[in-house]
N, C-alpha and C. Protein backbone atom coordinates (compact mmCIF):
# COMPACT_ATOMS: atom_id res chain seq x y z
N MET A 1 114.94 101.39 70.82
CA MET A 1 115.19 100.64 72.09
C MET A 1 113.97 101.03 72.79
N PRO A 2 113.56 100.53 73.61
CA PRO A 2 112.07 100.68 74.72
C PRO A 2 113.00 101.19 75.48
N ASN A 3 112.28 102.16 76.70
CA ASN A 3 112.30 103.17 77.74
C ASN A 3 112.00 101.41 78.87
N LEU A 4 113.09 101.01 79.42
CA LEU A 4 113.24 99.83 79.99
C LEU A 4 111.94 100.69 81.80
N ASN A 5 112.13 101.52 81.73
CA ASN A 5 111.40 101.81 82.82
C ASN A 5 110.02 101.92 83.19
N PHE A 6 110.09 101.93 81.46
CA PHE A 6 108.17 102.04 81.30
C PHE A 6 107.99 100.97 80.07
N LEU A 7 108.08 99.78 80.45
CA LEU A 7 107.40 98.99 79.47
C LEU A 7 105.85 98.91 79.12
N THR A 8 105.99 98.70 77.98
CA THR A 8 104.30 98.50 77.70
C THR A 8 103.90 97.02 77.64
N THR A 9 102.67 96.70 78.73
CA THR A 9 102.23 94.95 78.51
C THR A 9 100.63 95.17 78.74
N HIS A 10 99.99 94.24 78.78
CA HIS A 10 98.94 94.12 78.77
C HIS A 10 97.89 93.17 79.89
N VAL A 11 97.07 93.30 80.32
CA VAL A 11 96.74 92.52 81.71
C VAL A 11 96.63 90.48 81.61
N GLY A 12 96.34 90.21 80.38
CA GLY A 12 95.70 89.52 80.44
C GLY A 12 94.91 88.34 79.40
N SER A 13 93.36 88.79 80.18
CA SER A 13 92.43 88.65 79.26
C SER A 13 92.00 89.55 78.65
N VAL A 14 91.05 89.31 77.36
CA VAL A 14 90.71 89.92 76.51
C VAL A 14 89.52 88.88 76.12
N PRO A 15 88.42 90.40 75.81
CA PRO A 15 87.48 89.79 74.92
C PRO A 15 87.43 89.26 74.09
N TYR A 16 88.41 88.49 73.57
CA TYR A 16 87.72 87.94 72.07
C TYR A 16 87.78 86.24 72.22
N GLN A 17 87.75 85.41 70.90
CA GLN A 17 87.38 84.63 71.20
C GLN A 17 88.16 83.81 70.29
N SER A 18 89.45 83.97 69.86
CA SER A 18 90.39 84.04 68.29
C SER A 18 92.16 84.81 68.79
N ALA A 19 92.63 83.62 68.80
CA ALA A 19 94.22 84.51 68.33
C ALA A 19 94.84 85.11 67.28
N GLU A 20 93.41 84.61 66.79
CA GLU A 20 94.08 84.67 64.97
C GLU A 20 94.53 86.14 64.75
N GLY A 21 95.53 86.72 64.02
CA GLY A 21 95.94 87.71 64.35
C GLY A 21 96.24 88.54 65.98
N LEU A 22 95.38 88.47 66.32
CA LEU A 22 95.56 89.39 67.93
C LEU A 22 97.26 89.10 68.67
N THR A 23 97.15 87.69 68.45
CA THR A 23 98.60 87.87 69.14
C THR A 23 100.32 88.64 68.13
N ASP A 24 99.96 88.72 66.77
CA ASP A 24 101.00 88.70 66.17
C ASP A 24 100.66 91.26 66.01
N THR A 25 99.70 91.36 66.54
CA THR A 25 99.18 92.73 66.97
C THR A 25 99.76 92.77 67.80
N LEU A 26 99.42 92.21 69.16
CA LEU A 26 100.14 92.56 70.22
C LEU A 26 101.62 92.39 70.78
N ALA A 27 102.09 91.99 69.71
CA ALA A 27 103.50 91.66 69.75
C ALA A 27 104.30 92.74 69.48
N SER A 28 103.73 93.04 67.72
CA SER A 28 104.02 94.72 67.77
C SER A 28 103.72 95.71 68.39
N LEU A 29 102.74 95.66 68.89
CA LEU A 29 102.27 96.84 70.00
C LEU A 29 103.62 97.54 71.58
N LEU A 30 103.36 96.08 71.34
CA LEU A 30 103.69 96.13 73.02
C LEU A 30 105.21 95.81 73.49
N ASP A 31 106.21 96.34 74.19
CA ASP A 31 107.22 96.02 74.42
C ASP A 31 107.44 94.50 75.16
N ALA A 32 106.36 94.35 76.12
CA ALA A 32 106.44 93.30 76.54
C ALA A 32 105.21 92.02 76.49
N PRO A 33 104.98 92.00 75.17
CA PRO A 33 103.32 91.00 74.83
C PRO A 33 103.33 90.65 76.11
N ALA A 34 101.79 89.92 77.08
CA ALA A 34 101.57 88.67 77.32
C ALA A 34 100.45 87.96 76.86
N TRP A 35 100.86 86.60 77.27
CA TRP A 35 99.72 86.04 76.59
C TRP A 35 98.55 85.88 76.38
N PRO A 36 97.34 85.84 75.49
CA PRO A 36 95.88 86.43 75.96
C PRO A 36 95.41 85.28 76.49
N GLN A 37 94.65 85.61 77.45
CA GLN A 37 93.61 84.31 78.02
C GLN A 37 91.94 84.61 77.66
N PHE A 38 91.01 83.45 76.68
CA PHE A 38 89.92 83.53 76.33
C PHE A 38 88.94 83.32 77.11
N ALA A 39 89.09 84.40 77.64
CA ALA A 39 87.67 82.85 79.45
C ALA A 39 86.51 83.13 78.35
N SER A 40 86.30 84.18 77.85
CA SER A 40 84.62 83.89 77.15
C SER A 40 84.86 83.23 75.82
N ARG A 41 85.73 82.82 75.58
CA ARG A 41 85.61 81.32 74.35
C ARG A 41 85.88 80.16 74.86
N THR A 42 85.79 79.80 76.58
CA THR A 42 85.76 78.05 76.77
C THR A 42 85.95 78.76 78.42
N PHE A 43 84.93 77.63 79.17
CA PHE A 43 85.26 77.36 80.72
C PHE A 43 86.75 77.79 80.94
N ARG A 44 87.49 76.90 80.29
CA ARG A 44 88.57 76.10 81.00
C ARG A 44 89.60 77.04 80.75
N GLU A 45 89.34 78.51 79.91
CA GLU A 45 90.53 79.64 79.83
C GLU A 45 90.27 80.42 80.83
N ASN A 46 89.50 80.40 81.71
CA ASN A 46 88.59 80.62 82.92
C ASN A 46 90.68 81.08 83.31
N MET A 47 90.51 81.88 84.33
CA MET A 47 92.05 82.60 84.87
C MET A 47 92.53 81.47 86.28
N TYR A 48 91.82 80.51 86.84
CA TYR A 48 91.18 79.86 87.78
C TYR A 48 91.36 77.95 87.24
N VAL A 49 91.23 78.14 86.38
CA VAL A 49 90.43 76.99 86.09
C VAL A 49 91.99 76.61 84.94
N GLN A 50 92.21 77.98 84.07
CA GLN A 50 93.36 76.89 83.04
C GLN A 50 94.59 76.73 83.95
N PHE A 51 95.24 77.25 85.10
CA PHE A 51 96.03 76.60 86.37
C PHE A 51 96.22 75.28 87.14
N SER A 52 94.32 75.29 87.21
CA SER A 52 93.92 73.75 88.07
C SER A 52 94.05 72.65 87.44
N PRO A 53 94.09 72.60 86.26
CA PRO A 53 94.90 70.43 85.82
C PRO A 53 96.16 69.47 86.28
N THR A 54 96.34 69.70 87.45
CA THR A 54 97.85 69.79 87.66
C THR A 54 96.98 69.61 89.46
N LEU A 55 96.63 70.08 89.98
CA LEU A 55 96.41 70.33 91.34
C LEU A 55 95.84 68.78 91.93
N PRO A 56 96.53 68.97 93.07
CA PRO A 56 95.76 67.17 93.50
C PRO A 56 94.34 67.77 93.85
N ALA A 57 93.23 66.44 94.05
CA ALA A 57 91.60 66.30 94.14
C ALA A 57 91.05 67.18 94.26
N VAL A 58 91.76 68.41 92.29
CA VAL A 58 90.67 69.51 92.05
C VAL A 58 89.53 68.48 91.11
N VAL A 59 88.48 69.16 91.15
CA VAL A 59 86.51 68.32 90.95
C VAL A 59 86.81 69.74 89.09
N GLU A 60 86.62 69.34 88.46
CA GLU A 60 86.27 70.91 87.06
C GLU A 60 84.79 70.23 86.98
N ASP A 61 83.66 70.37 86.98
CA ASP A 61 82.93 70.44 86.53
C ASP A 61 81.87 71.77 85.71
N ALA A 62 82.38 71.50 84.43
CA ALA A 62 82.45 72.50 83.38
C ALA A 62 80.58 72.78 83.02
N ALA A 63 79.95 71.76 83.25
CA ALA A 63 77.96 72.09 83.44
C ALA A 63 78.04 73.01 83.99
N LYS A 64 79.01 73.77 85.38
CA LYS A 64 78.18 74.23 86.11
C LYS A 64 79.04 75.66 85.98
N GLU A 65 80.33 75.51 85.40
CA GLU A 65 81.13 76.13 84.90
C GLU A 65 82.29 76.34 86.21
N LYS A 66 82.74 75.50 87.09
CA LYS A 66 83.16 75.70 88.75
C LYS A 66 84.14 74.42 88.35
N ILE A 67 84.98 74.82 88.73
CA ILE A 67 85.97 73.71 90.18
C ILE A 67 86.05 74.57 90.88
N TYR A 68 85.98 73.23 92.48
CA TYR A 68 86.71 73.12 93.66
C TYR A 68 87.41 72.11 94.13
N PHE A 69 87.73 71.54 95.22
CA PHE A 69 88.46 70.56 95.58
C PHE A 69 87.39 69.68 95.96
N ASN A 70 87.60 68.31 96.42
CA ASN A 70 86.84 67.25 97.07
C ASN A 70 87.32 66.96 97.96
N THR A 71 87.81 67.56 98.84
CA THR A 71 88.15 66.93 100.03
C THR A 71 87.43 66.41 101.20
N ARG A 72 86.53 65.67 101.10
CA ARG A 72 85.67 64.37 101.20
C ARG A 72 86.64 62.46 101.56
N THR A 73 87.13 62.78 100.43
CA THR A 73 87.70 61.29 99.99
C THR A 73 89.37 61.62 100.48
N ASP A 74 89.60 60.53 100.58
CA ASP A 74 91.34 60.70 100.88
C ASP A 74 92.02 60.95 99.79
N VAL A 75 92.24 61.71 99.48
CA VAL A 75 93.56 62.41 98.97
C VAL A 75 94.87 61.77 98.76
N SER A 76 94.87 61.06 99.58
CA SER A 76 96.47 60.73 99.51
C SER A 76 97.39 60.51 98.67
N SER A 77 96.56 59.99 97.53
CA SER A 77 96.85 59.09 96.17
C SER A 77 97.74 60.20 95.31
N SER A 78 96.54 61.34 95.44
CA SER A 78 96.39 62.80 94.35
C SER A 78 97.82 63.83 94.93
N LEU A 79 97.74 63.69 95.93
CA LEU A 79 99.00 64.54 96.98
C LEU A 79 100.20 63.54 96.19
N GLU A 80 100.16 62.34 96.25
CA GLU A 80 101.46 62.00 95.70
C GLU A 80 101.89 62.13 94.83
N ALA A 81 100.70 61.88 93.44
CA ALA A 81 101.53 62.43 92.22
C ALA A 81 101.21 63.73 91.81
N PHE A 82 100.82 64.71 92.90
CA PHE A 82 101.04 66.40 92.27
C PHE A 82 102.58 66.31 93.34
N TYR A 83 103.15 65.70 94.57
CA TYR A 83 104.06 65.86 94.66
C TYR A 83 105.87 65.37 93.69
N THR A 84 104.63 64.22 93.51
CA THR A 84 106.56 63.54 92.98
C THR A 84 106.74 64.51 91.84
N PRO A 85 106.83 64.97 91.20
CA PRO A 85 107.31 65.61 89.81
C PRO A 85 108.50 66.75 90.62
N ILE A 86 106.88 67.13 91.96
CA ILE A 86 107.75 68.48 92.27
C ILE A 86 109.67 67.45 93.13
N LEU A 87 109.47 66.99 93.73
CA LEU A 87 110.09 66.50 94.08
C LEU A 87 111.43 66.24 93.25
N SER A 88 110.71 65.32 91.80
CA SER A 88 112.10 65.23 90.86
C SER A 88 112.56 66.84 89.52
N ASP A 89 111.85 67.92 90.34
CA ASP A 89 111.60 68.72 89.51
C ASP A 89 111.54 69.06 88.16
N ASP A 90 110.10 68.10 88.09
CA ASP A 90 109.79 68.06 86.98
C ASP A 90 109.00 69.32 86.70
N VAL A 91 109.34 70.43 86.01
CA VAL A 91 108.43 71.42 85.41
C VAL A 91 107.82 71.34 84.39
N ASP A 92 108.06 70.54 83.53
CA ASP A 92 107.29 70.27 82.15
C ASP A 92 105.61 70.04 82.48
N ALA A 93 105.76 69.10 84.32
CA ALA A 93 104.88 68.00 84.63
C ALA A 93 103.71 69.38 84.64
N PHE A 94 104.16 70.75 84.64
CA PHE A 94 103.22 71.47 85.63
C PHE A 94 102.87 72.52 83.52
N ALA A 95 103.09 72.33 82.96
CA ALA A 95 103.03 72.60 81.83
C ALA A 95 101.49 73.26 81.01
N LEU A 96 101.26 74.72 81.10
CA LEU A 96 100.35 74.67 79.75
C LEU A 96 99.38 73.88 79.44
N ARG A 97 98.26 73.50 79.37
CA ARG A 97 98.03 72.99 78.07
C ARG A 97 96.87 73.67 76.61
N GLN A 98 96.80 73.26 75.95
CA GLN A 98 96.53 74.12 75.30
C GLN A 98 95.00 74.01 74.81
N GLU A 99 94.11 73.60 75.59
CA GLU A 99 92.46 73.33 75.76
C GLU A 99 92.52 74.43 77.35
N TYR A 100 93.01 74.50 77.54
CA TYR A 100 93.17 75.52 78.68
C TYR A 100 93.69 76.73 78.69
N ALA A 101 95.18 77.01 77.73
CA ALA A 101 95.49 78.37 77.15
C ALA A 101 95.91 78.45 76.13
N ALA A 102 94.93 78.55 74.91
CA ALA A 102 95.78 78.65 73.83
C ALA A 102 96.10 79.78 73.56
N GLY A 103 95.80 80.41 74.36
CA GLY A 103 96.29 82.14 73.71
C GLY A 103 98.01 82.19 74.67
N PHE A 104 98.65 81.39 75.01
CA PHE A 104 99.94 81.11 75.43
C PHE A 104 100.81 80.95 73.97
N PHE A 105 99.77 79.14 73.83
CA PHE A 105 101.21 78.37 72.65
C PHE A 105 100.83 79.52 71.67
N ALA A 106 99.44 80.17 70.96
CA ALA A 106 99.31 81.66 70.11
C ALA A 106 100.42 82.41 70.11
N MET A 107 100.66 83.10 71.06
CA MET A 107 101.79 83.78 71.54
C MET A 107 103.60 83.35 71.47
N LEU A 108 103.46 82.35 72.25
CA LEU A 108 104.88 81.74 71.81
C LEU A 108 104.92 81.35 70.45
N GLU A 109 103.91 81.17 69.50
CA GLU A 109 104.34 80.17 68.25
C GLU A 109 104.48 81.96 67.29
N THR A 110 104.36 82.89 67.74
CA THR A 110 104.21 84.49 67.07
C THR A 110 105.59 84.97 67.37
N LEU A 111 105.57 84.79 68.81
CA LEU A 111 107.40 85.54 69.44
C LEU A 111 108.08 84.68 68.94
N ARG A 112 108.04 83.13 68.62
CA ARG A 112 109.23 82.34 68.20
C ARG A 112 109.57 82.50 66.51
N SER A 113 108.22 82.77 65.60
CA SER A 113 108.38 83.68 64.54
C SER A 113 109.05 84.80 64.60
N LYS A 114 109.04 85.17 65.44
CA LYS A 114 109.82 87.11 64.79
C LYS A 114 111.05 86.64 65.19
N GLU A 115 111.82 87.64 63.89
CA GLU A 115 113.23 87.37 63.21
C GLU A 115 113.95 87.84 64.83
N VAL A 116 114.85 87.44 64.85
CA VAL A 116 115.72 87.34 66.36
C VAL A 116 116.47 89.28 65.85
N LYS A 117 115.69 90.53 67.30
CA LYS A 117 116.43 92.18 67.19
C LYS A 117 118.27 91.55 67.69
N PRO A 118 118.96 93.34 67.38
CA PRO A 118 120.03 93.04 66.69
C PRO A 118 120.33 93.26 68.49
N SER A 119 121.95 92.49 68.44
CA SER A 119 122.12 92.21 69.84
C SER A 119 121.88 93.33 71.16
N SER A 120 121.54 94.67 70.74
CA SER A 120 121.56 96.21 71.47
C SER A 120 120.42 95.84 72.05
N GLU A 121 118.97 95.57 71.45
CA GLU A 121 117.94 95.08 71.80
C GLU A 121 117.37 94.00 72.37
N GLN A 122 116.55 94.26 73.43
CA GLN A 122 116.04 92.96 75.12
C GLN A 122 114.81 92.85 73.77
N MET A 123 114.81 91.41 73.57
CA MET A 123 112.92 90.51 73.79
C MET A 123 112.47 90.70 74.42
N TRP A 124 111.20 91.14 75.07
CA TRP A 124 110.51 90.94 76.61
C TRP A 124 109.15 90.24 75.80
N ALA A 125 108.86 89.16 76.84
CA ALA A 125 107.30 88.62 76.83
C ALA A 125 106.72 88.82 78.59
N LYS A 126 105.26 88.89 78.93
CA LYS A 126 105.18 88.76 80.31
C LYS A 126 104.23 87.50 80.55
N GLY A 127 104.62 86.94 81.37
CA GLY A 127 103.70 85.18 81.70
C GLY A 127 102.36 84.92 81.96
N GLN A 128 102.01 84.71 82.84
CA GLN A 128 101.17 84.49 83.69
C GLN A 128 101.11 83.86 84.17
N VAL A 129 100.38 83.86 85.93
CA VAL A 129 99.75 82.73 86.83
C VAL A 129 98.83 83.38 87.68
N THR A 130 97.70 82.55 87.50
CA THR A 130 96.83 83.10 89.33
C THR A 130 97.64 82.98 90.52
N GLY A 131 97.64 84.21 91.00
CA GLY A 131 98.42 83.99 92.57
C GLY A 131 97.80 83.12 93.90
N PRO A 132 98.95 82.75 93.97
CA PRO A 132 97.62 81.91 95.15
C PRO A 132 96.97 82.34 95.91
N ILE A 133 96.52 83.72 96.32
CA ILE A 133 96.40 84.10 97.29
C ILE A 133 95.07 84.50 96.55
N SER A 134 94.92 84.88 95.35
CA SER A 134 93.86 84.97 94.49
C SER A 134 92.59 83.14 94.05
N PHE A 135 93.52 82.82 93.85
CA PHE A 135 93.43 81.25 93.36
C PHE A 135 92.82 80.63 94.93
N GLY A 136 93.26 80.61 95.64
CA GLY A 136 93.17 79.56 97.28
C GLY A 136 92.02 80.53 97.84
N LEU A 137 91.36 82.03 97.77
CA LEU A 137 90.47 82.57 98.13
C LEU A 137 88.59 82.18 97.37
N THR A 138 89.41 81.76 96.10
CA THR A 138 88.45 81.91 95.16
C THR A 138 87.96 80.55 95.35
N VAL A 139 88.40 79.15 95.02
CA VAL A 139 88.56 78.37 95.12
C VAL A 139 88.83 77.18 96.50
N THR A 140 87.28 77.09 96.17
CA THR A 140 86.63 76.02 97.67
C THR A 140 86.88 74.77 97.34
N ASP A 141 86.47 74.46 98.46
CA ASP A 141 86.32 72.65 98.15
C ASP A 141 84.74 72.66 98.26
N GLN A 142 84.39 71.71 98.45
CA GLN A 142 82.94 71.40 97.83
C GLN A 142 81.89 71.90 99.12
N ASP A 143 82.55 72.29 100.33
CA ASP A 143 81.28 72.48 101.58
C ASP A 143 81.80 74.36 100.83
N LEU A 144 82.64 74.79 100.22
CA LEU A 144 82.62 76.30 100.19
C LEU A 144 83.57 76.96 101.26
N ARG A 145 84.54 76.49 101.68
CA ARG A 145 85.48 75.99 102.48
C ARG A 145 86.28 77.58 101.86
N ALA A 146 87.12 78.26 101.80
CA ALA A 146 88.48 78.72 100.55
C ALA A 146 89.03 77.48 100.83
N SER A 147 90.02 77.07 100.19
CA SER A 147 91.19 76.08 99.64
C SER A 147 92.16 76.72 100.17
N LEU A 148 92.28 78.24 100.46
CA LEU A 148 93.49 78.89 101.17
C LEU A 148 94.15 78.21 102.52
N TYR A 149 93.23 77.78 102.97
CA TYR A 149 92.94 77.51 104.74
C TYR A 149 93.23 75.90 104.55
N ASN A 150 92.85 75.23 103.91
CA ASN A 150 93.05 73.94 104.03
C ASN A 150 95.01 73.66 103.98
N GLU A 151 95.29 73.96 105.43
CA GLU A 151 96.64 73.10 105.16
C GLU A 151 97.55 72.58 103.37
N LEU A 152 97.79 71.55 103.42
CA LEU A 152 97.42 70.85 102.47
C LEU A 152 97.41 71.23 101.10
N LEU A 153 96.18 72.11 100.80
CA LEU A 153 96.04 72.30 99.70
C LEU A 153 96.86 74.00 99.26
N SER A 154 96.45 74.55 100.47
CA SER A 154 97.31 75.69 99.88
C SER A 154 98.79 75.45 99.57
N ASP A 155 99.64 74.87 100.26
CA ASP A 155 101.22 74.14 99.81
C ASP A 155 101.01 74.00 98.13
N ALA A 156 99.82 72.87 97.82
CA ALA A 156 99.69 72.73 96.80
C ALA A 156 99.66 73.51 95.65
N ILE A 157 98.51 74.64 96.51
CA ILE A 157 98.48 76.19 95.59
C ILE A 157 99.87 76.97 95.01
N ILE A 158 100.26 76.76 95.95
CA ILE A 158 101.79 77.88 95.80
C ILE A 158 102.60 76.96 95.19
N LYS A 159 102.87 76.11 95.31
CA LYS A 159 104.21 75.29 94.38
C LYS A 159 103.67 75.06 92.92
N ASN A 160 102.21 74.70 92.71
CA ASN A 160 101.47 74.79 91.63
C ASN A 160 102.02 76.11 90.66
N ALA A 161 101.34 77.20 91.48
CA ALA A 161 102.00 78.69 90.42
C ALA A 161 103.61 78.56 90.21
N ALA A 162 104.27 78.98 91.12
CA ALA A 162 105.81 78.15 90.96
C ALA A 162 106.43 77.96 89.46
N MET A 163 105.68 76.12 89.78
CA MET A 163 106.04 75.47 88.93
C MET A 163 105.79 75.80 87.68
N ASN A 164 104.41 76.46 87.89
CA ASN A 164 103.76 76.43 86.38
C ASN A 164 104.33 77.73 85.78
N ALA A 165 105.27 78.78 86.68
CA ALA A 165 105.60 80.32 86.35
C ALA A 165 106.73 79.30 85.71
N ARG A 166 108.03 78.96 86.08
CA ARG A 166 109.03 78.27 86.34
C ARG A 166 109.19 78.13 84.41
N TRP A 167 107.83 76.60 84.24
CA TRP A 167 108.07 76.19 82.76
C TRP A 167 107.48 77.18 81.69
N GLN A 168 106.34 78.70 82.30
CA GLN A 168 106.53 79.52 80.99
C GLN A 168 108.12 80.43 80.82
N VAL A 169 108.82 80.46 81.98
CA VAL A 169 109.98 81.63 81.71
C VAL A 169 111.07 80.31 80.59
N ARG A 170 111.08 78.61 81.14
CA ARG A 170 111.70 78.03 80.30
C ARG A 170 111.01 77.68 78.57
N GLN A 171 109.92 78.51 78.62
CA GLN A 171 109.29 78.41 77.04
C GLN A 171 109.04 79.38 75.78
């Protein structure tokens, strides 16, 4: 049984293009394997981009490899679409998407394929989300103002991170 005071894990981002074999290695070597993020594989696996698709008024510019919030238009309909699943506690609406987090789904498959350990041992895994402070200071609006300082956006960023974390735990 691993020493629960000092579980081994990893940060998340890895310099690989594919999960092939990697998730098996991570799961076998670490006490609490984390799903790998492949930021060098695609712009969408950037730690800010991969958690952004559900956010209101977010614009993904793949050509410039940038995301930002468009606050120049009326965002009320995108806010309504964002908050509706929150109010109904629809955690699945905040699921990671395969094209944004291939490593999550590969690790999930690896962990689910493992035989069940004896009841005296606990199997751990580490999920991850980009924190709201990092996200809110890095991802700006179209005028390069940090989204953390926009009341509507900062609340959505916090709730988005929380709902995605809940979704990961359920997986």
